[in-house]
Amino acid sequence: MDDAFSREVTLRSLLKSKGYDFDHENQYWVREWITNGGQEKVLEVALKTEDGEWNKLMMTTGGKVFYAEAIGGGVE
C-alpha cells in the first residue's frame, strides 16, 4: 500500500474516532461544539489544502473563522 494512501486512511479513521463527520458539500471534516448551556455553537473544521497539508479552523455556524492553525500532515 502506498505510504500517502495509508496515512490518509489512518487520518480519516482518527477523525471519525474523534467525532468528526465529513461534510460533502464543503469538502471538509467537521465536528460541532455546543457551549453556554446550549445557547452557542461553534464548528471545528479539519481541512486539507490543495498542497496536501491540513489546517484546523474554528468558525461560527455562519462561517466566520475566528481561529486557524496549520497542522501540517496530521490532525491532533
N, C-alpha and C. Protein backbone atom coordinates (compact mmCIF):
# COMPACT_ATOMS: atom_id res chain seq x y z
N MET A 1 0.86 -1.19 0.00
CA MET A 1 0.00 0.00 0.00
C MET A 1 0.89 1.24 0.00
N ASP A 2 0.55 2.21 -0.80
CA ASP A 2 1.28 3.47 -0.89
C ASP A 2 1.26 4.18 0.47
N ASP A 3 2.41 4.75 0.88
CA ASP A 3 2.51 5.43 2.19
C ASP A 3 1.53 6.60 2.32
N ALA A 4 1.38 7.41 1.28
CA ALA A 4 0.47 8.56 1.34
C ALA A 4 -0.97 8.08 1.51
N PHE A 5 -1.33 7.04 0.79
CA PHE A 5 -2.68 6.49 0.90
C PHE A 5 -2.91 5.92 2.30
N SER A 6 -1.94 5.24 2.82
CA SER A 6 -2.03 4.66 4.16
C SER A 6 -2.21 5.76 5.21
N ARG A 7 -1.44 6.84 5.10
CA ARG A 7 -1.57 7.96 6.03
C ARG A 7 -2.97 8.58 5.94
N GLU A 8 -3.49 8.70 4.72
CA GLU A 8 -4.82 9.29 4.51
C GLU A 8 -5.90 8.41 5.17
N VAL A 9 -5.81 7.11 5.00
CA VAL A 9 -6.78 6.20 5.62
C VAL A 9 -6.69 6.28 7.13
N THR A 10 -5.47 6.31 7.66
CA THR A 10 -5.27 6.42 9.11
C THR A 10 -5.85 7.73 9.63
N LEU A 11 -5.60 8.82 8.92
CA LEU A 11 -6.10 10.13 9.34
C LEU A 11 -7.63 10.17 9.33
N ARG A 12 -8.24 9.62 8.30
CA ARG A 12 -9.70 9.60 8.24
C ARG A 12 -10.28 8.79 9.40
N SER A 13 -9.65 7.68 9.73
CA SER A 13 -10.11 6.87 10.87
C SER A 13 -9.97 7.64 12.17
N LEU A 14 -8.87 8.38 12.32
CA LEU A 14 -8.66 9.20 13.51
C LEU A 14 -9.73 10.28 13.63
N LEU A 15 -10.02 10.96 12.53
CA LEU A 15 -11.05 11.99 12.55
C LEU A 15 -12.40 11.42 12.95
N LYS A 16 -12.77 10.28 12.38
CA LYS A 16 -14.04 9.64 12.73
C LYS A 16 -14.07 9.27 14.21
N SER A 17 -12.96 8.75 14.72
CA SER A 17 -12.92 8.34 16.13
C SER A 17 -13.02 9.53 17.08
N LYS A 18 -12.65 10.72 16.60
CA LYS A 18 -12.73 11.93 17.43
C LYS A 18 -14.05 12.68 17.24
N GLY A 19 -14.98 12.08 16.51
CA GLY A 19 -16.31 12.68 16.38
C GLY A 19 -16.52 13.59 15.19
N TYR A 20 -15.58 13.63 14.27
CA TYR A 20 -15.75 14.44 13.06
C TYR A 20 -16.62 13.69 12.06
N ASP A 21 -17.38 14.44 11.27
CA ASP A 21 -18.13 13.90 10.14
C ASP A 21 -17.65 14.62 8.89
N PHE A 22 -17.67 13.92 7.76
CA PHE A 22 -17.26 14.55 6.52
C PHE A 22 -18.43 15.31 5.92
N ASP A 23 -18.23 16.58 5.65
CA ASP A 23 -19.23 17.43 5.02
C ASP A 23 -18.96 17.42 3.52
N HIS A 24 -19.77 16.67 2.78
CA HIS A 24 -19.54 16.51 1.34
C HIS A 24 -19.72 17.82 0.58
N GLU A 25 -20.66 18.63 1.01
CA GLU A 25 -20.91 19.90 0.32
C GLU A 25 -19.70 20.83 0.39
N ASN A 26 -19.10 20.92 1.58
CA ASN A 26 -17.96 21.83 1.78
C ASN A 26 -16.60 21.14 1.65
N GLN A 27 -16.60 19.81 1.55
CA GLN A 27 -15.37 19.03 1.38
C GLN A 27 -14.39 19.23 2.53
N TYR A 28 -14.91 19.17 3.77
CA TYR A 28 -14.04 19.17 4.94
C TYR A 28 -14.65 18.31 6.04
N TRP A 29 -13.83 18.02 7.04
CA TRP A 29 -14.27 17.26 8.21
C TRP A 29 -14.69 18.26 9.28
N VAL A 30 -15.78 17.99 9.97
CA VAL A 30 -16.31 18.96 10.93
C VAL A 30 -16.90 18.25 12.15
N ARG A 31 -16.76 18.90 13.29
CA ARG A 31 -17.50 18.49 14.48
C ARG A 31 -18.00 19.75 15.16
N GLU A 32 -19.12 19.61 15.84
CA GLU A 32 -19.79 20.76 16.44
C GLU A 32 -19.56 20.78 17.94
N TRP A 33 -19.28 21.97 18.46
CA TRP A 33 -19.14 22.17 19.90
C TRP A 33 -20.29 23.06 20.36
N ILE A 34 -20.94 22.67 21.42
CA ILE A 34 -22.04 23.44 21.98
C ILE A 34 -21.62 23.96 23.34
N THR A 35 -21.79 25.26 23.55
CA THR A 35 -21.35 25.90 24.78
C THR A 35 -22.46 26.74 25.38
N ASN A 36 -22.18 27.29 26.53
CA ASN A 36 -23.08 28.24 27.18
C ASN A 36 -24.49 27.66 27.36
N GLY A 37 -24.53 26.43 27.89
CA GLY A 37 -25.82 25.80 28.14
C GLY A 37 -26.62 25.53 26.88
N GLY A 38 -25.95 25.30 25.77
CA GLY A 38 -26.63 25.03 24.51
C GLY A 38 -27.01 26.25 23.72
N GLN A 39 -26.62 27.43 24.19
CA GLN A 39 -27.00 28.66 23.50
C GLN A 39 -26.06 29.05 22.37
N GLU A 40 -24.85 28.51 22.39
CA GLU A 40 -23.87 28.86 21.35
C GLU A 40 -23.29 27.60 20.74
N LYS A 41 -23.04 27.66 19.44
CA LYS A 41 -22.43 26.55 18.73
C LYS A 41 -21.25 27.07 17.92
N VAL A 42 -20.18 26.28 17.89
CA VAL A 42 -19.05 26.57 17.02
C VAL A 42 -18.69 25.28 16.29
N LEU A 43 -18.06 25.44 15.15
CA LEU A 43 -17.63 24.31 14.34
C LEU A 43 -16.12 24.22 14.37
N GLU A 44 -15.62 23.02 14.58
CA GLU A 44 -14.20 22.74 14.46
C GLU A 44 -14.02 21.99 13.15
N VAL A 45 -13.22 22.54 12.27
CA VAL A 45 -13.07 22.03 10.91
C VAL A 45 -11.64 21.58 10.67
N ALA A 46 -11.49 20.40 10.09
CA ALA A 46 -10.19 19.93 9.61
C ALA A 46 -10.28 19.95 8.09
N LEU A 47 -9.39 20.71 7.48
CA LEU A 47 -9.47 20.99 6.05
C LEU A 47 -8.13 20.68 5.40
N LYS A 48 -8.16 19.82 4.38
CA LYS A 48 -6.95 19.51 3.63
C LYS A 48 -6.80 20.52 2.50
N THR A 49 -5.66 21.17 2.43
CA THR A 49 -5.42 22.19 1.40
C THR A 49 -5.00 21.53 0.09
N GLU A 50 -4.95 22.32 -0.95
CA GLU A 50 -4.57 21.80 -2.27
C GLU A 50 -3.16 21.23 -2.30
N ASP A 51 -2.28 21.72 -1.41
CA ASP A 51 -0.91 21.21 -1.38
C ASP A 51 -0.75 20.01 -0.45
N GLY A 52 -1.88 19.47 0.06
CA GLY A 52 -1.85 18.26 0.85
C GLY A 52 -1.64 18.46 2.34
N GLU A 53 -1.53 19.70 2.77
CA GLU A 53 -1.36 19.98 4.19
C GLU A 53 -2.74 20.12 4.85
N TRP A 54 -2.76 20.07 6.17
CA TRP A 54 -4.02 20.16 6.90
C TRP A 54 -4.06 21.43 7.74
N ASN A 55 -5.23 22.04 7.81
CA ASN A 55 -5.48 23.20 8.66
C ASN A 55 -6.64 22.88 9.58
N LYS A 56 -6.59 23.44 10.78
CA LYS A 56 -7.70 23.33 11.71
C LYS A 56 -8.29 24.72 11.86
N LEU A 57 -9.60 24.82 11.71
CA LEU A 57 -10.30 26.09 11.82
C LEU A 57 -11.38 25.98 12.89
N MET A 58 -11.62 27.07 13.58
CA MET A 58 -12.78 27.19 14.45
C MET A 58 -13.61 28.30 13.84
N MET A 59 -14.91 28.02 13.65
CA MET A 59 -15.76 29.01 13.00
C MET A 59 -17.17 28.98 13.59
N THR A 60 -17.88 30.07 13.35
CA THR A 60 -19.29 30.12 13.75
C THR A 60 -20.08 29.26 12.77
N THR A 61 -21.30 28.94 13.14
CA THR A 61 -22.16 28.19 12.22
C THR A 61 -22.49 28.99 10.96
N GLY A 62 -22.29 30.31 11.02
CA GLY A 62 -22.47 31.17 9.85
C GLY A 62 -21.26 31.24 8.95
N GLY A 63 -20.15 30.59 9.34
CA GLY A 63 -18.96 30.53 8.50
C GLY A 63 -17.87 31.52 8.83
N LYS A 64 -18.01 32.32 9.90
CA LYS A 64 -16.96 33.27 10.25
C LYS A 64 -15.85 32.54 11.02
N VAL A 65 -14.64 32.56 10.46
CA VAL A 65 -13.49 31.90 11.07
C VAL A 65 -12.91 32.82 12.14
N PHE A 66 -12.74 32.27 13.36
CA PHE A 66 -12.13 33.07 14.43
C PHE A 66 -10.84 32.46 14.96
N TYR A 67 -10.46 31.30 14.44
CA TYR A 67 -9.18 30.69 14.80
C TYR A 67 -8.76 29.79 13.64
N ALA A 68 -7.48 29.85 13.30
CA ALA A 68 -6.93 28.99 12.26
C ALA A 68 -5.53 28.59 12.63
N GLU A 69 -5.21 27.32 12.36
CA GLU A 69 -3.89 26.79 12.67
C GLU A 69 -3.48 25.80 11.59
N ALA A 70 -2.28 25.97 11.04
CA ALA A 70 -1.73 24.99 10.12
C ALA A 70 -1.22 23.83 10.96
N ILE A 71 -1.70 22.62 10.65
CA ILE A 71 -1.30 21.46 11.45
C ILE A 71 -0.51 20.45 10.63
N GLY A 72 -0.09 20.86 9.45
CA GLY A 72 0.79 20.01 8.65
C GLY A 72 0.11 18.76 8.10
N GLY A 73 0.77 17.64 8.28
CA GLY A 73 0.30 16.39 7.69
C GLY A 73 -0.63 15.59 8.55
N GLY A 74 -1.08 16.09 9.69
CA GLY A 74 -1.95 15.29 10.53
C GLY A 74 -2.81 16.13 11.46
N VAL A 75 -3.82 15.51 12.02
CA VAL A 75 -4.75 16.18 12.91
C VAL A 75 -4.49 15.68 14.32
N GLU A 76 -4.45 16.62 15.26
CA GLU A 76 -4.20 16.26 16.66
C GLU A 76 -5.46 15.79 17.33
